[in-house]
Amino acid sequence: MAGIEIGGYSLDGSVAGAGPPLLFLHGGDYVAQNAPILGRLARHWQVTAPRHPGSGHSPLPDGFRTIHDLAYLYLDWLDQQPDGPVLLVGSSFGGWLALEICVRSVAKIAALVLIDSLGIKFGGREERDIADVYALPEDEVRRRTFVDPARVLPDYATLGDDELLAIARDRQAATLYGWRPYMHDPGLRRWLHRVRVPALVLWGENDGIVTPDYGRRLCAALPNARFEAIAQSGHYPQIERPDAVAAAIERFAATEVRR
């Protein structure tokens, strides 16, 4: 794992490829399963994929408690980049984080890609926009998350203690940052007009965690966004259909990303 230095903190993660910079922000689980999409994107970009503070084996800095702490940390990383604007890609929890970054500043961001993002409350108080994965049986969570769970899920029985610890810390960190209130920021929706960069909203057409209708509403709330569904995929289409997701990002970048 590469050491990614941000503002005095050293995070686990990977840096691969050459070309314009791309920052990939992972979701709350299945982080290792992003390797194929990161490899595909590294054909065209220099891809930086940090493990968020408290996730994997990245240390949790004193005082880090909310997604806002993460947003400011990655804004510091963006400020450090000398090679022009960055393509920002966020999946699930990472998409929520990407939105928190963009409403603060898009000065160093070329464009935004959101993959089945969390973070926004559209429905009423008693309506469930985002499935509560901590309250559902594990089998149902897997069915809601993937079209074919058996094809993509890791075999946890074969993993070493180090890998299992990293996965447990991914889930613990997502809960720490996203639990109160559940996986959204009540104030974020009103500031989405500040996301003044081209945006691509990608969604697994079979997502049972946040439905495609949620994705379309998110797309409509952004100033300059397009929506694209990814067939035969759930909440993490970049894991189930990495080639399709990478191709969609490449098409978008070819027409929308400023250099």
Protein backbone atom coordinates (compact mmCIF):
# COMPACT_ATOMS: atom_id res chain seq x y z
CA MET A 1 0.00 0.00 0.00
CA ALA A 2 1.19 3.48 -0.85
CA GLY A 3 1.50 6.13 1.80
CA ILE A 4 -0.62 9.12 0.75
CA GLU A 5 0.40 12.22 2.66
CA ILE A 6 -2.29 14.81 3.35
CA GLY A 7 -1.85 17.67 5.77
CA GLY A 8 0.51 15.78 8.06
CA TYR A 9 -1.48 12.54 7.94
CA SER A 10 -0.34 9.39 6.15
CA LEU A 11 -3.16 7.30 4.71
CA ASP A 12 -3.10 3.84 3.22
CA GLY A 13 -4.14 3.62 -0.39
CA SER A 14 -2.81 3.36 -3.90
CA VAL A 15 -1.45 5.65 -6.59
CA ALA A 16 -1.28 4.22 -10.10
CA GLY A 17 -1.12 5.28 -13.73
CA ALA A 18 -0.01 8.42 -15.49
CA GLY A 19 -1.90 11.35 -16.91
CA PRO A 20 -4.31 13.91 -15.49
CA PRO A 21 -5.09 13.47 -11.78
CA LEU A 22 -8.12 11.48 -10.60
CA LEU A 23 -9.13 11.12 -6.95
CA PHE A 24 -11.25 8.06 -6.15
CA LEU A 25 -13.21 8.11 -2.87
CA HIS A 26 -14.38 4.67 -1.77
CA GLY A 27 -17.61 3.62 -0.10
CA GLY A 28 -18.11 2.14 3.33
CA ASP A 29 -17.43 -1.47 2.36
CA TYR A 30 -15.90 -3.73 -0.31
CA VAL A 31 -12.94 -1.40 -0.74
CA ALA A 32 -10.54 -4.06 -2.02
CA GLN A 33 -13.05 -5.02 -4.72
CA ASN A 34 -12.46 -1.64 -6.40
CA ALA A 35 -9.08 -2.83 -7.72
CA PRO A 36 -10.32 -3.67 -11.27
CA ILE A 37 -11.98 -0.28 -11.83
CA LEU A 38 -8.92 1.52 -10.46
CA GLY A 39 -6.70 -0.42 -12.85
CA ARG A 40 -8.92 0.45 -15.80
CA LEU A 41 -9.00 4.15 -14.90
CA ALA A 42 -5.22 4.15 -14.46
CA ARG A 43 -4.89 3.63 -18.23
CA HIS A 44 -5.88 7.28 -18.70
CA TRP A 45 -5.34 9.02 -15.39
CA GLN A 46 -3.01 9.08 -12.43
CA VAL A 47 -5.41 7.54 -9.94
CA THR A 48 -5.07 8.31 -6.25
CA ALA A 49 -7.28 6.09 -4.09
CA PRO A 50 -6.76 6.75 -0.38
CA ARG A 51 -8.27 4.71 2.42
CA HIS A 52 -10.23 7.25 4.47
CA PRO A 53 -8.95 8.09 7.96
CA GLY A 54 -10.07 5.32 10.29
CA SER A 55 -10.67 2.92 7.39
CA GLY A 56 -8.48 -0.03 6.48
CA HIS A 57 -5.17 0.65 8.18
CA SER A 58 -5.33 4.44 7.91
CA PRO A 59 -5.05 6.04 11.35
CA LEU A 60 -8.00 7.93 12.80
CA PRO A 61 -6.78 11.41 13.70
CA ASP A 62 -7.76 12.86 17.05
CA GLY A 63 -10.96 14.85 16.74
CA PHE A 64 -12.17 13.35 13.46
CA ARG A 65 -15.87 12.68 13.98
CA THR A 66 -17.89 13.79 10.96
CA ILE A 67 -17.85 13.68 7.18
CA HIS A 68 -16.99 17.39 7.27
CA ASP A 69 -13.58 16.53 8.74
CA LEU A 70 -12.96 14.26 5.75
CA ALA A 71 -14.11 16.92 3.29
CA TYR A 72 -11.63 19.46 4.60
CA LEU A 73 -8.84 16.89 4.64
CA TYR A 74 -9.35 16.10 0.96
CA LEU A 75 -9.63 19.79 0.14
CA ASP A 76 -6.13 20.08 1.59
CA TRP A 77 -5.04 17.28 -0.77
CA LEU A 78 -6.61 19.09 -3.72
CA ASP A 79 -4.74 22.27 -2.78
CA GLN A 80 -1.47 20.31 -2.97
CA GLN A 81 -1.99 19.16 -6.56
CA PRO A 82 0.29 20.95 -9.04
CA ASP A 83 -0.95 19.31 -12.25
CA GLY A 84 -4.23 21.03 -12.93
CA PRO A 85 -7.83 20.27 -12.00
CA VAL A 86 -8.73 16.84 -10.69
CA LEU A 87 -11.45 14.44 -11.85
CA LEU A 88 -13.25 13.57 -8.60
CA VAL A 89 -14.98 10.16 -8.44
CA GLY A 90 -16.97 9.01 -5.41
CA SER A 91 -18.81 5.76 -4.77
CA SER A 92 -21.65 5.42 -2.21
CA PHE A 93 -20.34 7.02 1.00
CA GLY A 94 -17.48 8.39 -1.11
CA GLY A 95 -20.03 10.08 -3.39
CA TRP A 96 -21.54 11.83 -0.38
CA LEU A 97 -18.04 12.91 0.61
CA ALA A 98 -17.40 14.18 -2.93
CA LEU A 99 -20.52 16.34 -2.73
CA GLU A 100 -19.41 17.76 0.63
CA ILE A 101 -16.11 18.70 -0.99
CA CYS A 102 -17.71 20.31 -4.04
CA VAL A 103 -20.16 22.53 -2.17
CA ARG A 104 -17.17 24.00 -0.35
CA SER A 105 -14.93 24.53 -3.38
CA VAL A 106 -14.61 23.33 -6.97
CA ALA A 107 -11.55 25.48 -7.68
CA LYS A 108 -9.31 22.42 -8.18
CA ILE A 109 -11.98 20.06 -9.56
CA ALA A 110 -12.39 19.49 -13.28
CA ALA A 111 -15.53 17.38 -13.08
CA LEU A 112 -17.42 15.09 -10.74
CA VAL A 113 -18.53 11.46 -11.06
CA LEU A 114 -21.00 10.12 -8.50
CA ILE A 115 -21.60 6.37 -8.33
CA ASP A 116 -24.73 5.41 -6.35
CA SER A 117 -24.07 8.25 -3.95
CA LEU A 118 -25.51 8.66 -0.48
CA GLY A 119 -25.75 11.94 1.42
CA ILE A 120 -29.02 13.66 0.46
CA LYS A 121 -32.45 13.46 2.10
CA PHE A 122 -35.22 13.81 -0.50
CA GLY A 123 -38.22 12.17 1.17
CA GLY A 124 -40.19 13.18 4.22
CA ARG A 125 -39.25 12.48 7.81
CA GLU A 126 -40.96 9.07 7.85
CA GLU A 127 -39.76 8.03 4.39
CA ARG A 128 -36.72 5.81 3.96
CA ASP A 129 -34.49 7.17 1.17
CA ILE A 130 -31.48 5.02 2.08
CA ALA A 131 -31.78 1.42 3.25
CA ASP A 132 -30.57 0.91 6.80
CA VAL A 133 -28.00 -1.81 6.21
CA TYR A 134 -27.37 -2.09 9.95
CA ALA A 135 -30.98 -3.05 10.67
CA LEU A 136 -31.50 -5.55 7.84
CA PRO A 137 -30.52 -9.25 7.79
CA GLU A 138 -27.15 -9.83 6.15
CA ASP A 139 -28.62 -11.88 3.30
CA GLU A 140 -31.02 -9.09 2.41
CA VAL A 141 -28.27 -6.49 2.50
CA ARG A 142 -26.26 -8.57 0.05
CA ARG A 143 -29.26 -9.00 -2.27
CA ARG A 144 -29.89 -5.26 -2.20
CA THR A 145 -26.22 -4.49 -2.82
CA PHE A 146 -25.34 -6.87 -5.68
CA VAL A 147 -27.17 -8.54 -8.53
CA ASP A 148 -25.09 -11.67 -8.03
CA PRO A 149 -23.51 -11.53 -4.57
CA ALA A 150 -21.75 -14.89 -4.90
CA ARG A 151 -19.79 -13.67 -7.91
CA VAL A 152 -18.25 -10.61 -6.26
CA LEU A 153 -18.29 -11.10 -2.49
CA PRO A 154 -14.97 -11.96 -0.85
CA ASP A 155 -14.63 -15.35 0.80
CA TYR A 156 -14.14 -14.07 4.33
CA ALA A 157 -13.11 -17.53 5.57
CA THR A 158 -9.96 -17.36 3.43
CA LEU A 159 -8.88 -13.86 4.46
CA GLY A 160 -6.10 -13.24 6.93
CA ASP A 161 -6.49 -11.34 10.16
CA ASP A 162 -4.93 -8.22 8.63
CA GLU A 163 -7.47 -8.11 5.80
CA LEU A 164 -10.38 -8.83 8.13
CA LEU A 165 -9.28 -6.04 10.45
CA ALA A 166 -9.14 -3.62 7.50
CA ILE A 167 -12.70 -4.54 6.48
CA ALA A 168 -13.98 -4.15 10.03
CA ARG A 169 -12.38 -0.71 10.27
CA ASP A 170 -13.95 0.31 6.91
CA ARG A 171 -17.39 -0.45 8.31
CA GLN A 172 -16.65 1.13 11.67
CA ALA A 173 -15.44 4.36 10.03
CA ALA A 174 -18.49 4.61 7.76
CA THR A 175 -20.68 4.30 10.85
CA LEU A 176 -18.66 6.91 12.73
CA TYR A 177 -18.91 9.49 9.97
CA GLY A 178 -22.38 8.69 8.66
CA TRP A 179 -24.57 7.50 11.49
CA ARG A 180 -26.02 10.75 12.89
CA PRO A 181 -28.32 11.25 11.05
CA TYR A 182 -28.28 8.10 8.99
CA MET A 183 -26.03 8.43 5.91
CA HIS A 184 -27.05 11.95 4.92
CA ASP A 185 -26.35 15.57 5.77
CA PRO A 186 -29.62 17.46 6.46
CA GLY A 187 -28.13 20.71 5.17
CA LEU A 188 -26.38 19.45 2.06
CA ARG A 189 -29.30 19.55 -0.37
CA ARG A 190 -29.71 23.33 -0.15
CA TRP A 191 -26.09 23.85 -1.23
CA LEU A 192 -25.99 21.57 -4.28
CA HIS A 193 -26.27 24.62 -6.55
CA ARG A 194 -22.62 25.26 -5.66
CA VAL A 195 -21.48 22.13 -7.49
CA ARG A 196 -20.67 24.19 -10.58
CA VAL A 197 -18.73 21.59 -12.51
CA PRO A 198 -19.93 19.00 -15.02
CA ALA A 199 -21.21 15.93 -13.20
CA LEU A 200 -21.94 12.37 -14.24
CA VAL A 201 -24.37 10.47 -12.01
CA LEU A 202 -23.92 6.73 -12.54
CA TRP A 203 -26.36 4.29 -10.97
CA GLY A 204 -26.75 0.54 -10.81
CA GLU A 205 -30.20 -0.13 -12.23
CA ASN A 206 -30.77 -2.84 -9.59
CA ASP A 207 -29.56 -0.85 -6.58
CA GLY A 208 -31.62 -1.76 -3.52
CA ILE A 209 -29.74 0.52 -1.13
CA VAL A 210 -30.52 3.81 -2.91
CA THR A 211 -32.80 3.31 -5.90
CA PRO A 212 -32.25 4.73 -9.39
CA ASP A 213 -35.12 7.14 -8.71
CA TYR A 214 -33.02 8.61 -5.89
CA GLY A 215 -30.15 8.94 -8.36
CA ARG A 216 -32.32 10.77 -10.88
CA ARG A 217 -33.49 13.19 -8.20
CA LEU A 218 -29.88 13.82 -7.23
CA CYS A 219 -28.98 14.44 -10.88
CA ALA A 220 -31.85 16.93 -11.25
CA ALA A 221 -30.68 18.79 -8.13
CA LEU A 222 -27.22 19.45 -9.59
CA PRO A 223 -26.64 22.43 -11.93
CA ASN A 224 -24.89 20.57 -14.76
CA ALA A 225 -25.35 16.81 -14.51
CA ARG A 226 -26.27 13.85 -16.65
CA PHE A 227 -27.63 10.51 -15.48
CA GLU A 228 -26.65 7.07 -16.75
CA ALA A 229 -27.89 3.71 -15.51
CA ILE A 230 -25.57 0.69 -15.48
CA ALA A 231 -27.40 -2.52 -16.38
CA GLN A 232 -27.12 -5.69 -14.32
CA SER A 233 -25.57 -4.02 -11.31
CA GLY A 234 -26.53 -2.95 -7.81
CA HIS A 235 -25.11 -0.45 -5.35
CA TYR A 236 -21.50 -0.86 -6.46
CA PRO A 237 -21.68 -1.02 -10.27
CA GLN A 238 -17.96 -0.33 -10.53
CA ILE A 239 -17.39 -3.68 -8.80
CA GLU A 240 -19.94 -5.71 -10.76
CA ARG A 241 -19.45 -3.95 -14.12
CA PRO A 242 -16.03 -2.25 -13.98
CA ASP A 243 -15.60 -2.07 -17.75
CA ALA A 244 -19.02 -0.49 -18.27
CA VAL A 245 -18.44 2.07 -15.52
CA ALA A 246 -14.93 2.92 -16.73
CA ALA A 247 -16.22 3.33 -20.30
CA ALA A 248 -18.95 5.70 -19.10
CA ILE A 249 -16.39 7.79 -17.20
CA GLU A 250 -14.09 7.87 -20.22
CA ARG A 251 -16.91 9.07 -22.52
CA PHE A 252 -17.89 11.73 -20.03
CA ALA A 253 -14.32 12.92 -19.57
CA ALA A 254 -13.73 13.14 -23.31
CA THR A 255 -16.45 15.75 -23.68
CA GLU A 256 -16.75 17.46 -20.30
CA VAL A 257 -13.46 17.53 -18.43
CA ARG A 258 -11.53 20.77 -18.67
CA ARG A 259 -7.75 20.48 -18.72
